[in-house]
C-alpha cells in the first residue's frame, strides 16, 4: 500500500506513544507500507516538530527530532512533484500533500483532518483515512 502521512499524523505520533499515529511511525522501518515523501513535506514535518509550542507538548530535544526525521527519510520513498494541482483543497497548506499523493500514485492519504481532503481527493482515486483505520488495514488478517 502506498501512502502519504499528513504532518498532523507525524506530530501526533510524537505526542503520545499510545495512539495509532505513533504505531504508524513505529511500523515505518518494517516497510509495511510505502511512505511517499517530498522535500516540501519533509521541510514541513521539520518546521512543525521544531515549533516551540509543539516542542513544549512532545518534549523532544532537537537531536531527538532530527532522529525522528532521519528515520522517516530513511524509510520513505522520495517523490518529485512534476504536476501541481492547485487549487483543489480548502486549506492551501494541504495542497502539497495532495500533489505528492497524485504524483506518487498513492492509494491513501493518512490524516487527522479528513474533512480538509474529502471530497476533492476522491476525484483522483485516492482514499483518505484516519490513522486508526489505516493501521487496522495494515494488520495481517
C-alpha atoms as a PDB file:
ATOM      1  CA  UNK A   1       0.000   0.000   0.000  1.00  0.00           C
ATOM      2  CA  UNK A   2       1.350   3.435  -0.958  1.00  0.00           C
ATOM      3  CA  UNK A   3       0.520   6.291   1.395  1.00  0.00           C
ATOM      4  CA  UNK A   4       1.289   9.864   2.362  1.00  0.00           C
ATOM      5  CA  UNK A   5       1.268  10.861   6.033  1.00  0.00           C
ATOM      6  CA  UNK A   6      -0.081  14.333   6.652  1.00  0.00           C
ATOM      7  CA  UNK A   7       2.015  16.418   9.039  1.00  0.00           C
ATOM      8  CA  UNK A   8      -0.616  16.197  11.774  1.00  0.00           C
ATOM      9  CA  UNK A   9      -0.129  12.416  11.885  1.00  0.00           C
ATOM     10  CA  UNK A  10       3.638  12.741  12.327  1.00  0.00           C
ATOM     11  CA  UNK A  11       3.150  15.342  15.064  1.00  0.00           C
ATOM     12  CA  UNK A  12       0.527  13.203  16.817  1.00  0.00           C
ATOM     13  CA  UNK A  13       2.950  10.281  16.688  1.00  0.00           C
ATOM     14  CA  UNK A  14       5.464  12.287  18.696  1.00  0.00           C
ATOM     15  CA  UNK A  15       2.917  13.447  21.263  1.00  0.00           C
ATOM     16  CA  UNK A  16       1.779  10.082  22.585  1.00  0.00           C
ATOM     17  CA  UNK A  17       3.206   6.561  22.459  1.00  0.00           C
ATOM     18  CA  UNK A  18      -0.290   5.101  22.740  1.00  0.00           C
ATOM     19  CA  UNK A  19      -2.049   6.217  19.562  1.00  0.00           C
ATOM     20  CA  UNK A  20      -2.313   4.891  16.041  1.00  0.00           C
ATOM     21  CA  UNK A  21      -0.108   7.712  14.727  1.00  0.00           C
ATOM     22  CA  UNK A  22       2.780   6.556  16.936  1.00  0.00           C
ATOM     23  CA  UNK A  23       2.231   2.957  15.835  1.00  0.00           C
ATOM     24  CA  UNK A  24       2.403   4.011  12.179  1.00  0.00           C
ATOM     25  CA  UNK A  25       5.750   5.706  12.806  1.00  0.00           C
ATOM     26  CA  UNK A  26       6.968   2.554  14.539  1.00  0.00           C
ATOM     27  CA  UNK A  27       5.944   0.470  11.504  1.00  0.00           C
ATOM     28  CA  UNK A  28       7.987   2.529   9.044  1.00  0.00           C
ATOM     29  CA  UNK A  29      11.230   0.530   9.433  1.00  0.00           C
ATOM     30  CA  UNK A  30       9.258  -2.671   8.832  1.00  0.00           C
ATOM     31  CA  UNK A  31       8.119  -1.319   5.450  1.00  0.00           C
ATOM     32  CA  UNK A  32       4.547  -2.485   5.995  1.00  0.00           C
ATOM     33  CA  UNK A  33       3.504   0.306   3.645  1.00  0.00           C
ATOM     34  CA  UNK A  34       5.350   2.546   1.222  1.00  0.00           C
ATOM     35  CA  UNK A  35       5.592   6.092   2.537  1.00  0.00           C
ATOM     36  CA  UNK A  36       5.890   8.776  -0.118  1.00  0.00           C
ATOM     37  CA  UNK A  37       7.983  11.830   0.742  1.00  0.00           C
ATOM     38  CA  UNK A  38       8.790  15.115  -0.949  1.00  0.00           C
ATOM     39  CA  UNK A  39      11.224  17.836   0.014  1.00  0.00           C
ATOM     40  CA  UNK A  40       8.414  20.308   0.829  1.00  0.00           C
ATOM     41  CA  UNK A  41       6.639  17.780   3.061  1.00  0.00           C
ATOM     42  CA  UNK A  42       9.830  16.829   4.926  1.00  0.00           C
ATOM     43  CA  UNK A  43      10.541  20.521   5.487  1.00  0.00           C
ATOM     44  CA  UNK A  44       7.044  20.958   6.870  1.00  0.00           C
ATOM     45  CA  UNK A  45       7.484  17.963   9.194  1.00  0.00           C
ATOM     46  CA  UNK A  46      10.692  19.574  10.474  1.00  0.00           C
ATOM     47  CA  UNK A  47       9.224  23.061  10.798  1.00  0.00           C
ATOM     48  CA  UNK A  48       6.188  21.937  12.753  1.00  0.00           C
ATOM     49  CA  UNK A  49       8.036  19.488  15.021  1.00  0.00           C
ATOM     50  CA  UNK A  50      10.548  22.203  15.941  1.00  0.00           C
ATOM     51  CA  UNK A  51       7.995  24.905  16.772  1.00  0.00           C
ATOM     52  CA  UNK A  52       8.264  25.999  20.393  1.00  0.00           C
ATOM     53  CA  UNK A  53       4.581  25.311  21.055  1.00  0.00           C
ATOM     54  CA  UNK A  54       4.824  21.772  19.660  1.00  0.00           C
ATOM     55  CA  UNK A  55       8.166  21.079  21.378  1.00  0.00           C
ATOM     56  CA  UNK A  56       6.570  22.038  24.684  1.00  0.00           C
ATOM     57  CA  UNK A  57       3.972  19.323  24.061  1.00  0.00           C
ATOM     58  CA  UNK A  58       6.170  16.450  22.870  1.00  0.00           C
ATOM     59  CA  UNK A  59       9.238  17.314  24.951  1.00  0.00           C
ATOM     60  CA  UNK A  60      11.721  16.065  22.355  1.00  0.00           C
ATOM     61  CA  UNK A  61      15.151  17.637  22.040  1.00  0.00           C
ATOM     62  CA  UNK A  62      16.324  18.932  18.680  1.00  0.00           C
ATOM     63  CA  UNK A  63      18.534  15.829  18.411  1.00  0.00           C
ATOM     64  CA  UNK A  64      15.553  13.549  19.038  1.00  0.00           C
ATOM     65  CA  UNK A  65      13.502  15.433  16.444  1.00  0.00           C
ATOM     66  CA  UNK A  66      16.346  15.005  13.952  1.00  0.00           C
ATOM     67  CA  UNK A  67      16.421  11.277  14.740  1.00  0.00           C
ATOM     68  CA  UNK A  68      12.681  11.001  14.025  1.00  0.00           C
ATOM     69  CA  UNK A  69      13.070  12.926  10.766  1.00  0.00           C
ATOM     70  CA  UNK A  70      16.086  10.832   9.734  1.00  0.00           C
ATOM     71  CA  UNK A  71      14.140   7.634  10.403  1.00  0.00           C
ATOM     72  CA  UNK A  72      11.218   8.896   8.310  1.00  0.00           C
ATOM     73  CA  UNK A  73      13.567   9.924   5.487  1.00  0.00           C
ATOM     74  CA  UNK A  74      15.382   6.580   5.567  1.00  0.00           C
ATOM     75  CA  UNK A  75      12.141   4.625   5.405  1.00  0.00           C
ATOM     76  CA  UNK A  76      10.294   6.740   2.846  1.00  0.00           C
ATOM     77  CA  UNK A  77      10.329   6.845  -0.920  1.00  0.00           C
ATOM     78  CA  UNK A  78      11.323  10.221  -2.364  1.00  0.00           C
ATOM     79  CA  UNK A  79       8.948  11.535  -4.990  1.00  0.00           C
ATOM     80  CA  UNK A  80       9.481  14.520  -7.253  1.00  0.00           C
ATOM     81  CA  UNK A  81       6.486  16.709  -7.927  1.00  0.00           C
ATOM     82  CA  UNK A  82       6.035  17.241 -11.658  1.00  0.00           C
ATOM     83  CA  UNK A  83       2.455  18.464 -11.747  1.00  0.00           C
ATOM     84  CA  UNK A  84       0.825  20.950  -9.428  1.00  0.00           C
ATOM     85  CA  UNK A  85      -2.917  20.588  -8.932  1.00  0.00           C
ATOM     86  CA  UNK A  86      -3.661  23.857  -7.138  1.00  0.00           C
ATOM     87  CA  UNK A  87      -6.120  24.970  -6.008  1.00  0.00           C
ATOM     88  CA  UNK A  88      -8.098  21.888  -5.050  1.00  0.00           C
ATOM     89  CA  UNK A  89      -8.458  21.921  -1.271  1.00  0.00           C
ATOM     90  CA  UNK A  90      -9.920  24.241   1.360  1.00  0.00           C
ATOM     91  CA  UNK A  91      -6.592  24.562   3.168  1.00  0.00           C
ATOM     92  CA  UNK A  92      -3.790  25.713   0.840  1.00  0.00           C
ATOM     93  CA  UNK A  93      -1.220  24.122   3.170  1.00  0.00           C
ATOM     94  CA  UNK A  94      -2.641  20.694   2.312  1.00  0.00           C
ATOM     95  CA  UNK A  95      -2.095  21.113  -1.431  1.00  0.00           C
ATOM     96  CA  UNK A  96       1.459  19.709  -1.239  1.00  0.00           C
ATOM     97  CA  UNK A  97       0.100  16.540   0.397  1.00  0.00           C
ATOM     98  CA  UNK A  98      -2.375  16.066  -2.450  1.00  0.00           C
ATOM     99  CA  UNK A  99       0.275  16.824  -5.086  1.00  0.00           C
ATOM    100  CA  UNK A 100       2.634  14.275  -3.558  1.00  0.00           C
ATOM    101  CA  UNK A 101      -0.124  11.664  -3.426  1.00  0.00           C
ATOM    102  CA  UNK A 102      -1.156  12.249  -7.051  1.00  0.00           C
ATOM    103  CA  UNK A 103       2.396  12.370  -8.432  1.00  0.00           C
ATOM    104  CA  UNK A 104       3.436   9.290  -6.451  1.00  0.00           C
ATOM    105  CA  UNK A 105       0.243   7.359  -7.243  1.00  0.00           C
ATOM    106  CA  UNK A 106      -0.590   6.937  -3.574  1.00  0.00           C
ATOM    107  CA  UNK A 107      -3.600   4.892  -2.668  1.00  0.00           C
ATOM    108  CA  UNK A 108      -4.154   6.662   0.631  1.00  0.00           C
ATOM    109  CA  UNK A 109      -3.624   9.958   2.412  1.00  0.00           C
ATOM    110  CA  UNK A 110      -3.478   9.393   6.167  1.00  0.00           C
ATOM    111  CA  UNK A 111      -4.612  12.460   8.097  1.00  0.00           C
ATOM    112  CA  UNK A 112      -6.374  13.581  11.237  1.00  0.00           C
ATOM    113  CA  UNK A 113      -8.161  16.276   9.214  1.00  0.00           C
ATOM    114  CA  UNK A 114     -10.041  14.164   6.693  1.00  0.00           C
ATOM    115  CA  UNK A 115     -12.613  16.926   6.143  1.00  0.00           C
ATOM    116  CA  UNK A 116      -9.870  19.056   4.577  1.00  0.00           C
ATOM    117  CA  UNK A 117      -9.392  16.484   1.810  1.00  0.00           C
ATOM    118  CA  UNK A 118     -12.839  14.984   1.171  1.00  0.00           C
ATOM    119  CA  UNK A 119     -14.498  15.070  -1.358  1.00  0.00           C
ATOM    120  CA  UNK A 120     -11.878  16.633  -3.660  1.00  0.00           C
ATOM    121  CA  UNK A 121      -9.290  13.880  -3.248  1.00  0.00           C
ATOM    122  CA  UNK A 122     -11.672  11.112  -4.266  1.00  0.00           C
ATOM    123  CA  UNK A 123     -11.727  12.580  -7.781  1.00  0.00           C
ATOM    124  CA  UNK A 124      -8.092  11.454  -8.041  1.00  0.00           C
ATOM    125  CA  UNK A 125      -8.902   7.920  -6.872  1.00  0.00           C
ATOM    126  CA  UNK A 126      -7.143   8.443  -3.549  1.00  0.00           C
ATOM    127  CA  UNK A 127      -8.661   7.285  -0.294  1.00  0.00           C
ATOM    128  CA  UNK A 128      -8.479   9.482   2.802  1.00  0.00           C
ATOM    129  CA  UNK A 129      -8.159   7.635   6.104  1.00  0.00           C
ATOM    130  CA  UNK A 130      -7.523   8.431   9.728  1.00  0.00           C
ATOM    131  CA  UNK A 131      -4.526   6.688  11.357  1.00  0.00           C
ATOM    132  CA  UNK A 132      -6.578   4.085  13.274  1.00  0.00           C
ATOM    133  CA  UNK A 133      -8.432   2.609  10.289  1.00  0.00           C
ATOM    134  CA  UNK A 134      -5.267   2.753   8.175  1.00  0.00           C
ATOM    135  CA  UNK A 135      -3.373   0.856  10.864  1.00  0.00           C
ATOM    136  CA  UNK A 136      -6.134  -1.766  11.003  1.00  0.00           C
ATOM    137  CA  UNK A 137      -5.880  -2.224   7.245  1.00  0.00           C
ATOM    138  CA  UNK A 138      -2.155  -2.932   7.574  1.00  0.00           C
ATOM    139  CA  UNK A 139      -2.639  -5.701  10.114  1.00  0.00           C
ATOM    140  CA  UNK A 140      -2.484  -9.225   8.696  1.00  0.00           C
ATOM    141  CA  UNK A 141      -5.866 -10.902   8.501  1.00  0.00           C
END
